[in-house]
Amino acid sequence: MGAENTILTLVLVIVIAAARAKWQTAMIQNNANATSSLSCRSGKDIDCRRGEAELKVEEAALQERSVSSDMREFAHELTVMEERLVELRAEEDELEERRLKNEGLDEA
């Protein structure tokens, strides 16, 4: 019986060691899967953030074009107003000359 107990104890130790090794292998594999999954999610997050950044850049470019267009339109309107102001000043000068001429005729 002593030899049988020793063999059973040895078999039990081997089974426990094998179970522990299998458990450790499973834990390592789970960690690897979790890391792989995290890397995949991180990659998706990076892609998502990159996509968001690209959209923001496109939006900023559109806003810049819009602002540039608004500025060109405003500059054009200022040019038209300046031209009209020059015309009005010329008309004002003509009217002032006529008024002075009429005053000179009235006095004479």
C-alpha atoms as a PDB file:
ATOM      1  CA  MET A   1       0.000   0.000   0.000  1.00  0.00           C
ATOM      2  CA  GLY A   2       2.819   2.416   0.629  1.00  0.00           C
ATOM      3  CA  ALA A   3       3.951   2.158  -2.966  1.00  0.00           C
ATOM      4  CA  GLU A   4       0.406   2.674  -4.241  1.00  0.00           C
ATOM      5  CA  ASN A   5       0.024   5.817  -2.097  1.00  0.00           C
ATOM      6  CA  THR A   6       3.295   7.157  -3.405  1.00  0.00           C
ATOM      7  CA  ILE A   7       2.243   6.481  -7.025  1.00  0.00           C
ATOM      8  CA  LEU A   8      -1.192   8.067  -6.417  1.00  0.00           C
ATOM      9  CA  THR A   9       0.456  11.076  -4.786  1.00  0.00           C
ATOM     10  CA  LEU A  10       2.876  11.366  -7.703  1.00  0.00           C
ATOM     11  CA  VAL A  11       0.002  11.091 -10.228  1.00  0.00           C
ATOM     12  CA  LEU A  12      -1.981  13.713  -8.248  1.00  0.00           C
ATOM     13  CA  VAL A  13       1.004  16.088  -8.251  1.00  0.00           C
ATOM     14  CA  ILE A  14       1.440  15.571 -12.013  1.00  0.00           C
ATOM     15  CA  VAL A  15      -2.311  16.189 -12.634  1.00  0.00           C
ATOM     16  CA  ILE A  16      -2.218  19.357 -10.492  1.00  0.00           C
ATOM     17  CA  ALA A  17       0.913  20.571 -12.295  1.00  0.00           C
ATOM     18  CA  ALA A  18      -0.686  19.861 -15.682  1.00  0.00           C
ATOM     19  CA  ALA A  19      -3.882  21.657 -14.650  1.00  0.00           C
ATOM     20  CA  ARG A  20      -1.873  24.640 -13.416  1.00  0.00           C
ATOM     21  CA  ALA A  21       0.116  24.748 -16.669  1.00  0.00           C
ATOM     22  CA  LYS A  22      -3.102  24.558 -18.687  1.00  0.00           C
ATOM     23  CA  TRP A  23      -4.640  27.325 -16.556  1.00  0.00           C
ATOM     24  CA  GLN A  24      -1.541  29.524 -17.025  1.00  0.00           C
ATOM     25  CA  THR A  25      -1.606  28.893 -20.769  1.00  0.00           C
ATOM     26  CA  ALA A  26      -5.286  29.860 -20.879  1.00  0.00           C
ATOM     27  CA  MET A  27      -4.572  33.040 -18.885  1.00  0.00           C
ATOM     28  CA  ILE A  28      -1.698  33.972 -21.207  1.00  0.00           C
ATOM     29  CA  GLN A  29      -3.928  33.348 -24.221  1.00  0.00           C
ATOM     30  CA  ASN A  30      -6.736  35.434 -22.675  1.00  0.00           C
ATOM     31  CA  ASN A  31      -4.292  38.276 -22.026  1.00  0.00           C
ATOM     32  CA  ALA A  32      -3.024  38.005 -25.588  1.00  0.00           C
ATOM     33  CA  ASN A  33      -6.597  38.086 -26.915  1.00  0.00           C
ATOM     34  CA  ALA A  34      -7.438  41.035 -24.692  1.00  0.00           C
ATOM     35  CA  THR A  35      -4.308  42.874 -25.842  1.00  0.00           C
ATOM     36  CA  SER A  36      -5.116  42.032 -29.459  1.00  0.00           C
ATOM     37  CA  SER A  37      -8.689  43.197 -28.981  1.00  0.00           C
ATOM     38  CA  LEU A  38      -7.480  46.373 -27.261  1.00  0.00           C
ATOM     39  CA  SER A  39      -5.009  46.978 -30.091  1.00  0.00           C
ATOM     40  CA  CYS A  40      -7.807  46.464 -32.595  1.00  0.00           C
ATOM     41  CA  ARG A  41     -10.056  48.863 -30.713  1.00  0.00           C
ATOM     42  CA  SER A  42      -7.179  51.326 -30.383  1.00  0.00           C
ATOM     43  CA  GLY A  43      -6.624  51.053 -34.117  1.00  0.00           C
ATOM     44  CA  LYS A  44     -10.319  51.666 -34.739  1.00  0.00           C
ATOM     45  CA  ASP A  45     -10.222  54.601 -32.310  1.00  0.00           C
ATOM     46  CA  ILE A  46      -7.226  56.018 -34.140  1.00  0.00           C
ATOM     47  CA  ASP A  47      -8.964  55.561 -37.486  1.00  0.00           C
ATOM     48  CA  CYS A  48     -12.105  57.156 -36.080  1.00  0.00           C
ATOM     49  CA  ARG A  49     -10.142  60.092 -34.676  1.00  0.00           C
ATOM     50  CA  ARG A  50      -8.252  60.446 -37.930  1.00  0.00           C
ATOM     51  CA  GLY A  51     -11.575  60.521 -39.782  1.00  0.00           C
ATOM     52  CA  GLU A  52     -12.934  63.149 -37.391  1.00  0.00           C
ATOM     53  CA  ALA A  53      -9.774  65.217 -37.808  1.00  0.00           C
ATOM     54  CA  GLU A  54     -10.029  64.995 -41.599  1.00  0.00           C
ATOM     55  CA  LEU A  55     -13.663  66.129 -41.427  1.00  0.00           C
ATOM     56  CA  LYS A  56     -12.666  69.069 -39.234  1.00  0.00           C
ATOM     57  CA  VAL A  57      -9.914  70.019 -41.687  1.00  0.00           C
ATOM     58  CA  GLU A  58     -12.387  69.875 -44.578  1.00  0.00           C
ATOM     59  CA  GLU A  59     -14.888  71.933 -42.599  1.00  0.00           C
ATOM     60  CA  ALA A  60     -12.207  74.512 -41.791  1.00  0.00           C
ATOM     61  CA  ALA A  61     -11.212  74.670 -45.463  1.00  0.00           C
ATOM     62  CA  LEU A  62     -14.847  75.238 -46.456  1.00  0.00           C
ATOM     63  CA  GLN A  63     -15.200  77.956 -43.839  1.00  0.00           C
ATOM     64  CA  GLU A  64     -11.990  79.565 -45.067  1.00  0.00           C
ATOM     65  CA  ARG A  65     -13.283  79.537 -48.645  1.00  0.00           C
ATOM     66  CA  SER A  66     -16.569  80.997 -47.453  1.00  0.00           C
ATOM     67  CA  VAL A  67     -14.799  83.738 -45.508  1.00  0.00           C
ATOM     68  CA  SER A  68     -12.535  84.455 -48.477  1.00  0.00           C
ATOM     69  CA  SER A  69     -15.572  84.675 -50.728  1.00  0.00           C
ATOM     70  CA  ASP A  70     -17.313  86.981 -48.251  1.00  0.00           C
ATOM     71  CA  MET A  71     -14.199  89.160 -48.068  1.00  0.00           C
ATOM     72  CA  ARG A  72     -13.971  89.395 -51.874  1.00  0.00           C
ATOM     73  CA  GLU A  73     -17.649  90.299 -52.060  1.00  0.00           C
ATOM     74  CA  PHE A  74     -17.212  92.923 -49.326  1.00  0.00           C
ATOM     75  CA  ALA A  75     -14.142  94.363 -51.088  1.00  0.00           C
ATOM     76  CA  HIS A  76     -16.132  94.554 -54.327  1.00  0.00           C
ATOM     77  CA  GLU A  77     -18.996  96.319 -52.551  1.00  0.00           C
ATOM     78  CA  LEU A  78     -16.513  98.792 -51.040  1.00  0.00           C
ATOM     79  CA  THR A  79     -15.070  99.471 -54.493  1.00  0.00           C
ATOM     80  CA  VAL A  80     -18.559 100.080 -55.918  1.00  0.00           C
ATOM     81  CA  MET A  81     -19.389 102.384 -52.987  1.00  0.00           C
ATOM     82  CA  GLU A  82     -16.117 104.266 -53.439  1.00  0.00           C
ATOM     83  CA  GLU A  83     -16.827 104.747 -57.147  1.00  0.00           C
ATOM     84  CA  ARG A  84     -20.332 105.973 -56.359  1.00  0.00           C
ATOM     85  CA  LEU A  85     -18.934 108.343 -53.733  1.00  0.00           C
ATOM     86  CA  VAL A  86     -16.549 109.808 -56.328  1.00  0.00           C
ATOM     87  CA  GLU A  87     -19.495 110.276 -58.707  1.00  0.00           C
ATOM     88  CA  LEU A  88     -21.571 111.958 -55.982  1.00  0.00           C
ATOM     89  CA  ARG A  89     -18.694 114.299 -55.095  1.00  0.00           C
ATOM     90  CA  ALA A  90     -18.358 115.248 -58.769  1.00  0.00           C
ATOM     91  CA  GLU A  91     -22.107 115.933 -58.915  1.00  0.00           C
ATOM     92  CA  GLU A  92     -21.855 117.927 -55.690  1.00  0.00           C
ATOM     93  CA  ASP A  93     -19.016 120.015 -57.158  1.00  0.00           C
ATOM     94  CA  GLU A  94     -21.082 120.674 -60.316  1.00  0.00           C
ATOM     95  CA  LEU A  95     -24.070 121.726 -58.227  1.00  0.00           C
ATOM     96  CA  GLU A  96     -21.865 123.997 -56.124  1.00  0.00           C
ATOM     97  CA  GLU A  97     -20.478 125.610 -59.309  1.00  0.00           C
ATOM     98  CA  ARG A  98     -24.012 126.161 -60.629  1.00  0.00           C
ATOM     99  CA  ARG A  99     -25.109 127.632 -57.313  1.00  0.00           C
ATOM    100  CA  LEU A 100     -22.163 130.019 -57.294  1.00  0.00           C
ATOM    101  CA  LYS A 101     -22.829 130.912 -60.926  1.00  0.00           C
ATOM    102  CA  ASN A 102     -26.523 131.537 -60.161  1.00  0.00           C
ATOM    103  CA  GLU A 103     -25.636 133.668 -57.141  1.00  0.00           C
ATOM    104  CA  GLY A 104     -23.260 135.692 -59.351  1.00  0.00           C
ATOM    105  CA  LEU A 105     -26.016 136.239 -61.905  1.00  0.00           C
ATOM    106  CA  ASP A 106     -28.522 137.208 -59.233  1.00  0.00           C
ATOM    107  CA  GLU A 107     -26.166 139.830 -57.818  1.00  0.00           C
ATOM    108  CA  ALA A 108     -25.412 141.305 -61.192  1.00  0.00           C
END
